[in-house]
Amino acid sequence: MVVGVTLVNVIPGQERSVFDKFGEIPGIRELHHVFGEYDFLVIIEVDGLPLLSKTVDVIRDVEGVITTHTIVGAELSDT
């Protein structure tokens, strides 16, 4: 399982339509409308990096999305 956090900027005034479209994307575990530099914080949980990349591509293709910034989660081992 891979977890990614994607920060998204959208065209002003299109937050509601983007939010609704994000709700239809498989792999999005959490979706938060936020204030500040970004408009949305999206937590993605999928089986592997290739699927994470595809999910981010789907997010980028949503009408109204301007930019994305994705951070990939890493696990700490005991060794």
PDB file of N, CA and C in Angstrom:
ATOM      1  N   MET A   1       0.844  -1.180   0.000  1.00  0.00           N
ATOM      2  CA  MET A   1       0.000   0.000   0.000  1.00  0.00           C
ATOM      3  C   MET A   1       0.885   1.238   0.000  1.00  0.00           C
ATOM      4  N   VAL A   2       0.541   2.179  -0.840  1.00  0.00           N
ATOM      5  CA  VAL A   2       1.267   3.444  -0.944  1.00  0.00           C
ATOM      6  C   VAL A   2       0.311   4.576  -0.597  1.00  0.00           C
ATOM      7  N   VAL A   3       0.807   5.523   0.188  1.00  0.00           N
ATOM      8  CA  VAL A   3       0.021   6.695   0.545  1.00  0.00           C
ATOM      9  C   VAL A   3       0.693   7.918  -0.054  1.00  0.00           C
ATOM     10  N   GLY A   4      -0.113   8.744  -0.706  1.00  0.00           N
ATOM     11  CA  GLY A   4       0.374  10.004  -1.240  1.00  0.00           C
ATOM     12  C   GLY A   4      -0.505  11.134  -0.747  1.00  0.00           C
ATOM     13  N   VAL A   5       0.114  12.276  -0.551  1.00  0.00           N
ATOM     14  CA  VAL A   5      -0.621  13.483  -0.188  1.00  0.00           C
ATOM     15  C   VAL A   5      -0.457  14.452  -1.345  1.00  0.00           C
ATOM     16  N   THR A   6      -1.568  14.847  -1.935  1.00  0.00           N
ATOM     17  CA  THR A   6      -1.530  15.766  -3.067  1.00  0.00           C
ATOM     18  C   THR A   6      -2.196  17.078  -2.678  1.00  0.00           C
ATOM     19  N   LEU A   7      -1.452  18.153  -2.870  1.00  0.00           N
ATOM     20  CA  LEU A   7      -1.955  19.507  -2.629  1.00  0.00           C
ATOM     21  C   LEU A   7      -2.367  20.070  -3.978  1.00  0.00           C
ATOM     22  N   VAL A   8      -3.552  20.664  -4.043  1.00  0.00           N
ATOM     23  CA  VAL A   8      -4.137  21.052  -5.322  1.00  0.00           C
ATOM     24  C   VAL A   8      -4.567  22.515  -5.305  1.00  0.00           C
ATOM     25  N   ASN A   9      -4.269  23.213  -6.397  1.00  0.00           N
ATOM     26  CA  ASN A   9      -4.795  24.556  -6.638  1.00  0.00           C
ATOM     27  C   ASN A   9      -5.807  24.470  -7.759  1.00  0.00           C
ATOM     28  N   VAL A  10      -6.909  25.219  -7.614  1.00  0.00           N
ATOM     29  CA  VAL A  10      -7.951  25.219  -8.639  1.00  0.00           C
ATOM     30  C   VAL A  10      -8.282  26.655  -9.050  1.00  0.00           C
ATOM     31  N   ILE A  11      -8.962  26.767 -10.174  1.00  0.00           N
ATOM     32  CA  ILE A  11      -9.426  28.069 -10.641  1.00  0.00           C
ATOM     33  C   ILE A  11     -10.426  28.615  -9.616  1.00  0.00           C
ATOM     34  N   PRO A  12     -10.238  29.860  -9.171  1.00  0.00           N
ATOM     35  CA  PRO A  12     -11.173  30.427  -8.196  1.00  0.00           C
ATOM     36  C   PRO A  12     -12.621  30.323  -8.678  1.00  0.00           C
ATOM     37  N   GLY A  13     -13.487  29.902  -7.764  1.00  0.00           N
ATOM     38  CA  GLY A  13     -14.901  29.747  -8.075  1.00  0.00           C
ATOM     39  C   GLY A  13     -15.280  28.346  -8.524  1.00  0.00           C
ATOM     40  N   GLN A  14     -14.288  27.489  -8.776  1.00  0.00           N
ATOM     41  CA  GLN A  14     -14.585  26.132  -9.231  1.00  0.00           C
ATOM     42  C   GLN A  14     -14.348  25.072  -8.148  1.00  0.00           C
ATOM     43  N   GLU A  15     -14.215  25.521  -6.918  1.00  0.00           N
ATOM     44  CA  GLU A  15     -13.932  24.589  -5.827  1.00  0.00           C
ATOM     45  C   GLU A  15     -15.016  23.509  -5.683  1.00  0.00           C
ATOM     46  N   ARG A  16     -16.287  23.890  -5.739  1.00  0.00           N
ATOM     47  CA  ARG A  16     -17.381  22.931  -5.542  1.00  0.00           C
ATOM     48  C   ARG A  16     -17.381  21.861  -6.632  1.00  0.00           C
ATOM     49  N   SER A  17     -17.241  22.262  -7.885  1.00  0.00           N
ATOM     50  CA  SER A  17     -17.285  21.276  -8.971  1.00  0.00           C
ATOM     51  C   SER A  17     -16.072  20.352  -8.913  1.00  0.00           C
ATOM     52  N   VAL A  18     -14.904  20.889  -8.564  1.00  0.00           N
ATOM     53  CA  VAL A  18     -13.710  20.058  -8.431  1.00  0.00           C
ATOM     54  C   VAL A  18     -13.880  19.085  -7.265  1.00  0.00           C
ATOM     55  N   PHE A  19     -14.383  19.580  -6.146  1.00  0.00           N
ATOM     56  CA  PHE A  19     -14.623  18.725  -4.980  1.00  0.00           C
ATOM     57  C   PHE A  19     -15.538  17.559  -5.354  1.00  0.00           C
ATOM     58  N   ASP A  20     -16.607  17.841  -6.065  1.00  0.00           N
ATOM     59  CA  ASP A  20     -17.548  16.795  -6.456  1.00  0.00           C
ATOM     60  C   ASP A  20     -16.893  15.769  -7.373  1.00  0.00           C
ATOM     61  N   LYS A  21     -16.059  16.220  -8.311  1.00  0.00           N
ATOM     62  CA  LYS A  21     -15.378  15.297  -9.221  1.00  0.00           C
ATOM     63  C   LYS A  21     -14.334  14.456  -8.488  1.00  0.00           C
ATOM     64  N   PHE A  22     -13.639  15.067  -7.544  1.00  0.00           N
ATOM     65  CA  PHE A  22     -12.660  14.312  -6.762  1.00  0.00           C
ATOM     66  C   PHE A  22     -13.337  13.177  -5.997  1.00  0.00           C
ATOM     67  N   GLY A  23     -14.563  13.399  -5.556  1.00  0.00           N
ATOM     68  CA  GLY A  23     -15.293  12.376  -4.815  1.00  0.00           C
ATOM     69  C   GLY A  23     -15.575  11.125  -5.620  1.00  0.00           C
ATOM     70  N   GLU A  24     -15.443  11.198  -6.933  1.00  0.00           N
ATOM     71  CA  GLU A  24     -15.686  10.057  -7.814  1.00  0.00           C
ATOM     72  C   GLU A  24     -14.413   9.286  -8.167  1.00  0.00           C
ATOM     73  N   ILE A  25     -13.261   9.764  -7.728  1.00  0.00           N
ATOM     74  CA  ILE A  25     -11.986   9.146  -8.115  1.00  0.00           C
ATOM     75  C   ILE A  25     -11.613   8.026  -7.145  1.00  0.00           C
ATOM     76  N   PRO A  26     -11.471   6.793  -7.653  1.00  0.00           N
ATOM     77  CA  PRO A  26     -11.050   5.682  -6.791  1.00  0.00           C
ATOM     78  C   PRO A  26      -9.650   5.940  -6.229  1.00  0.00           C
ATOM     79  N   GLY A  27      -9.432   5.537  -5.006  1.00  0.00           N
ATOM     80  CA  GLY A  27      -8.124   5.680  -4.379  1.00  0.00           C
ATOM     81  C   GLY A  27      -8.011   6.895  -3.479  1.00  0.00           C
ATOM     82  N   ILE A  28      -8.937   7.849  -3.613  1.00  0.00           N
ATOM     83  CA  ILE A  28      -8.901   9.006  -2.718  1.00  0.00           C
ATOM     84  C   ILE A  28      -9.523   8.593  -1.392  1.00  0.00           C
ATOM     85  N   ARG A  29      -8.691   8.569  -0.350  1.00  0.00           N
ATOM     86  CA  ARG A  29      -9.136   8.157   0.983  1.00  0.00           C
ATOM     87  C   ARG A  29      -9.726   9.317   1.775  1.00  0.00           C
ATOM     88  N   GLU A  30      -9.117  10.499   1.619  1.00  0.00           N
ATOM     89  CA  GLU A  30      -9.611  11.693   2.311  1.00  0.00           C
ATOM     90  C   GLU A  30      -9.489  12.883   1.378  1.00  0.00           C
ATOM     91  N   LEU A  31     -10.412  13.815   1.538  1.00  0.00           N
ATOM     92  CA  LEU A  31     -10.426  15.020   0.722  1.00  0.00           C
ATOM     93  C   LEU A  31     -10.814  16.192   1.616  1.00  0.00           C
ATOM     94  N   HIS A  32      -9.939  17.203   1.661  1.00  0.00           N
ATOM     95  CA  HIS A  32     -10.185  18.352   2.530  1.00  0.00           C
ATOM     96  C   HIS A  32     -10.027  19.645   1.742  1.00  0.00           C
ATOM     97  N   HIS A  33     -11.039  20.508   1.837  1.00  0.00           N
ATOM     98  CA  HIS A  33     -10.930  21.859   1.287  1.00  0.00           C
ATOM     99  C   HIS A  33     -10.216  22.681   2.350  1.00  0.00           C
ATOM    100  N   VAL A  34      -9.118  23.338   1.970  1.00  0.00           N
ATOM    101  CA  VAL A  34      -8.299  24.055   2.942  1.00  0.00           C
ATOM    102  C   VAL A  34      -8.087  25.498   2.501  1.00  0.00           C
ATOM    103  N   PHE A  35      -7.639  26.316   3.423  1.00  0.00           N
ATOM    104  CA  PHE A  35      -7.328  27.711   3.147  1.00  0.00           C
ATOM    105  C   PHE A  35      -5.818  27.886   3.153  1.00  0.00           C
ATOM    106  N   GLY A  36      -5.342  28.834   2.393  1.00  0.00           N
ATOM    107  CA  GLY A  36      -3.914  29.100   2.342  1.00  0.00           C
ATOM    108  C   GLY A  36      -3.401  28.969   0.924  1.00  0.00           C
ATOM    109  N   GLU A  37      -2.177  28.500   0.786  1.00  0.00           N
ATOM    110  CA  GLU A  37      -1.522  28.409  -0.516  1.00  0.00           C
ATOM    111  C   GLU A  37      -2.227  27.435  -1.458  1.00  0.00           C
ATOM    112  N   TYR A  38      -2.841  26.394  -0.898  1.00  0.00           N
ATOM    113  CA  TYR A  38      -3.526  25.376  -1.706  1.00  0.00           C
ATOM    114  C   TYR A  38      -5.020  25.381  -1.396  1.00  0.00           C
ATOM    115  N   ASP A  39      -5.800  24.824  -2.312  1.00  0.00           N
ATOM    116  CA  ASP A  39      -7.253  24.760  -2.143  1.00  0.00           C
ATOM    117  C   ASP A  39      -7.733  23.423  -1.586  1.00  0.00           C
ATOM    118  N   PHE A  40      -7.014  22.342  -1.921  1.00  0.00           N
ATOM    119  CA  PHE A  40      -7.408  21.008  -1.462  1.00  0.00           C
ATOM    120  C   PHE A  40      -6.200  20.226  -0.990  1.00  0.00           C
ATOM    121  N   LEU A  41      -6.426  19.415   0.026  1.00  0.00           N
ATOM    122  CA  LEU A  41      -5.475  18.425   0.480  1.00  0.00           C
ATOM    123  C   LEU A  41      -6.135  17.075   0.220  1.00  0.00           C
ATOM    124  N   VAL A  42      -5.488  16.257  -0.600  1.00  0.00           N
ATOM    125  CA  VAL A  42      -6.049  14.974  -1.007  1.00  0.00           C
ATOM    126  C   VAL A  42      -5.129  13.867  -0.522  1.00  0.00           C
ATOM    127  N   ILE A  43      -5.684  12.927   0.237  1.00  0.00           N
ATOM    128  CA  ILE A  43      -4.907  11.779   0.677  1.00  0.00           C
ATOM    129  C   ILE A  43      -5.323  10.583  -0.166  1.00  0.00           C
ATOM    130  N   ILE A  44      -4.324  10.006  -0.829  1.00  0.00           N
ATOM    131  CA  ILE A  44      -4.546   8.897  -1.751  1.00  0.00           C
ATOM    132  C   ILE A  44      -3.927   7.646  -1.145  1.00  0.00           C
ATOM    133  N   GLU A  45      -4.653   6.544  -1.201  1.00  0.00           N
ATOM    134  CA  GLU A  45      -4.126   5.263  -0.737  1.00  0.00           C
ATOM    135  C   GLU A  45      -4.411   4.220  -1.807  1.00  0.00           C
ATOM    136  N   VAL A  46      -3.343   3.693  -2.413  1.00  0.00           N
ATOM    137  CA  VAL A  46      -3.475   2.754  -3.525  1.00  0.00           C
ATOM    138  C   VAL A  46      -2.413   1.664  -3.400  1.00  0.00           C
ATOM    139  N   ASP A  47      -2.525   0.655  -4.273  1.00  0.00           N
ATOM    140  CA  ASP A  47      -1.586  -0.467  -4.272  1.00  0.00           C
ATOM    141  C   ASP A  47      -0.427  -0.213  -5.230  1.00  0.00           C
ATOM    142  N   GLY A  48       0.554   0.565  -4.828  1.00  0.00           N
ATOM    143  CA  GLY A  48       1.766   0.748  -5.606  1.00  0.00           C
ATOM    144  C   GLY A  48       1.927   2.112  -6.240  1.00  0.00           C
ATOM    145  N   LEU A  49       3.194   2.436  -6.525  1.00  0.00           N
ATOM    146  CA  LEU A  49       3.522   3.736  -7.113  1.00  0.00           C
ATOM    147  C   LEU A  49       2.915   3.955  -8.495  1.00  0.00           C
ATOM    148  N   PRO A  50       2.859   2.927  -9.355  1.00  0.00           N
ATOM    149  CA  PRO A  50       2.238   3.178 -10.663  1.00  0.00           C
ATOM    150  C   PRO A  50       0.780   3.632 -10.552  1.00  0.00           C
ATOM    151  N   LEU A  51       0.027   3.032  -9.628  1.00  0.00           N
ATOM    152  CA  LEU A  51      -1.366   3.425  -9.449  1.00  0.00           C
ATOM    153  C   LEU A  51      -1.475   4.804  -8.805  1.00  0.00           C
ATOM    154  N   LEU A  52      -0.534   5.143  -7.930  1.00  0.00           N
ATOM    155  CA  LEU A  52      -0.508   6.494  -7.357  1.00  0.00           C
ATOM    156  C   LEU A  52      -0.300   7.521  -8.468  1.00  0.00           C
ATOM    157  N   SER A  53       0.640   7.234  -9.352  1.00  0.00           N
ATOM    158  CA  SER A  53       0.910   8.136 -10.464  1.00  0.00           C
ATOM    159  C   SER A  53      -0.318   8.305 -11.353  1.00  0.00           C
ATOM    160  N   LYS A  54      -1.003   7.210 -11.642  1.00  0.00           N
ATOM    161  CA  LYS A  54      -2.211   7.276 -12.473  1.00  0.00           C
ATOM    162  C   LYS A  54      -3.310   8.078 -11.784  1.00  0.00           C
ATOM    163  N   THR A  55      -3.448   7.904 -10.476  1.00  0.00           N
ATOM    164  CA  THR A  55      -4.473   8.632  -9.726  1.00  0.00           C
ATOM    165  C   THR A  55      -4.188  10.127  -9.750  1.00  0.00           C
ATOM    166  N   VAL A  56      -2.924  10.499  -9.574  1.00  0.00           N
ATOM    167  CA  VAL A  56      -2.555  11.920  -9.637  1.00  0.00           C
ATOM    168  C   VAL A  56      -2.821  12.467 -11.039  1.00  0.00           C
ATOM    169  N   ASP A  57      -2.562  11.661 -12.066  1.00  0.00           N
ATOM    170  CA  ASP A  57      -2.868  12.095 -13.437  1.00  0.00           C
ATOM    171  C   ASP A  57      -4.360  12.363 -13.613  1.00  0.00           C
ATOM    172  N   VAL A  58      -5.194  11.511 -13.008  1.00  0.00           N
ATOM    173  CA  VAL A  58      -6.650  11.711 -13.083  1.00  0.00           C
ATOM    174  C   VAL A  58      -7.025  13.015 -12.379  1.00  0.00           C
ATOM    175  N   ILE A  59      -6.420  13.264 -11.224  1.00  0.00           N
ATOM    176  CA  ILE A  59      -6.672  14.511 -10.494  1.00  0.00           C
ATOM    177  C   ILE A  59      -6.287  15.711 -11.356  1.00  0.00           C
ATOM    178  N   ARG A  60      -5.138  15.637 -12.001  1.00  0.00           N
ATOM    179  CA  ARG A  60      -4.666  16.750 -12.849  1.00  0.00           C
ATOM    180  C   ARG A  60      -5.590  17.014 -14.027  1.00  0.00           C
ATOM    181  N   ASP A  61      -6.254  15.958 -14.501  1.00  0.00           N
ATOM    182  CA  ASP A  61      -7.137  16.093 -15.665  1.00  0.00           C
ATOM    183  C   ASP A  61      -8.517  16.653 -15.325  1.00  0.00           C
ATOM    184  N   VAL A  62      -8.822  16.804 -14.037  1.00  0.00           N
ATOM    185  CA  VAL A  62     -10.121  17.351 -13.647  1.00  0.00           C
ATOM    186  C   VAL A  62     -10.189  18.812 -14.076  1.00  0.00           C
ATOM    187  N   GLU A  63     -11.277  19.161 -14.743  1.00  0.00           N
ATOM    188  CA  GLU A  63     -11.461  20.537 -15.188  1.00  0.00           C
ATOM    189  C   GLU A  63     -11.472  21.485 -13.996  1.00  0.00           C
ATOM    190  N   GLY A  64     -10.649  22.506 -14.061  1.00  0.00           N
ATOM    191  CA  GLY A  64     -10.552  23.480 -12.981  1.00  0.00           C
ATOM    192  C   GLY A  64      -9.266  23.356 -12.181  1.00  0.00           C
ATOM    193  N   VAL A  65      -8.587  22.210 -12.282  1.00  0.00           N
ATOM    194  CA  VAL A  65      -7.330  22.030 -11.555  1.00  0.00           C
ATOM    195  C   VAL A  65      -6.228  22.799 -12.277  1.00  0.00           C
ATOM    196  N   ILE A  66      -5.487  23.595 -11.508  1.00  0.00           N
ATOM    197  CA  ILE A  66      -4.392  24.383 -12.070  1.00  0.00           C
ATOM    198  C   ILE A  66      -3.053  23.683 -11.840  1.00  0.00           C
ATOM    199  N   THR A  67      -2.758  23.369 -10.574  1.00  0.00           N
ATOM    200  CA  THR A  67      -1.482  22.732 -10.234  1.00  0.00           C
ATOM    201  C   THR A  67      -1.680  21.694  -9.142  1.00  0.00           C
ATOM    202  N   THR A  68      -0.719  20.759  -9.079  1.00  0.00           N
ATOM    203  CA  THR A  68      -0.691  19.788  -7.999  1.00  0.00           C
ATOM    204  C   THR A  68       0.738  19.671  -7.475  1.00  0.00           C
ATOM    205  N   HIS A  69       0.834  19.253  -6.234  1.00  0.00           N
ATOM    206  CA  HIS A  69       2.128  18.953  -5.604  1.00  0.00           C
ATOM    207  C   HIS A  69       1.908  17.701  -4.778  1.00  0.00           C
ATOM    208  N   THR A  70       2.617  16.626  -5.113  1.00  0.00           N
ATOM    209  CA  THR A  70       2.388  15.344  -4.445  1.00  0.00           C
ATOM    210  C   THR A  70       3.592  14.933  -3.623  1.00  0.00           C
ATOM    211  N   ILE A  71       3.302  14.457  -2.419  1.00  0.00           N
ATOM    212  CA  ILE A  71       4.305  13.941  -1.503  1.00  0.00           C
ATOM    213  C   ILE A  71       3.999  12.471  -1.286  1.00  0.00           C
ATOM    214  N   VAL A  72       4.999  11.608  -1.467  1.00  0.00           N
ATOM    215  CA  VAL A  72       4.802  10.173  -1.303  1.00  0.00           C
ATOM    216  C   VAL A  72       5.238   9.775   0.102  1.00  0.00           C
ATOM    217  N   GLY A  73       4.352   9.041   0.784  1.00  0.00           N
ATOM    218  CA  GLY A  73       4.647   8.582   2.133  1.00  0.00           C
ATOM    219  C   GLY A  73       5.697   7.487   2.137  1.00  0.00           C
ATOM    220  N   ALA A  74       6.470   7.411   3.206  1.00  0.00           N
ATOM    221  CA  ALA A  74       7.492   6.374   3.371  1.00  0.00           C
ATOM    222  C   ALA A  74       7.327   5.747   4.740  1.00  0.00           C
ATOM    223  N   GLU A  75       7.680   4.477   4.829  1.00  0.00           N
ATOM    224  CA  GLU A  75       7.616   3.779   6.115  1.00  0.00           C
ATOM    225  C   GLU A  75       8.992   3.778   6.765  1.00  0.00           C
ATOM    226  N   LEU A  76       9.011   3.898   8.067  1.00  0.00           N
ATOM    227  CA  LEU A  76      10.249   3.777   8.822  1.00  0.00           C
ATOM    228  C   LEU A  76      10.372   2.342   9.301  1.00  0.00           C
ATOM    229  N   SER A  77      11.544   1.762   9.103  1.00  0.00           N
ATOM    230  CA  SER A  77      11.744   0.388   9.558  1.00  0.00           C
ATOM    231  C   SER A  77      12.423   0.390  10.907  1.00  0.00           C
ATOM    232  N   ASP A  78      12.361  -0.738  11.580  1.00  0.00           N
ATOM    233  CA  ASP A  78      12.978  -0.881  12.895  1.00  0.00           C
ATOM    234  C   ASP A  78      14.481  -1.148  12.807  1.00  0.00           C
ATOM    235  N   THR A  79      14.970  -1.386  11.594  1.00  0.00           N
ATOM    236  CA  THR A  79      16.392  -1.713  11.448  1.00  0.00           C
ATOM    237  C   THR A  79      17.226  -0.521  11.103  1.00  0.00           C
TER     238      THR A  79
END
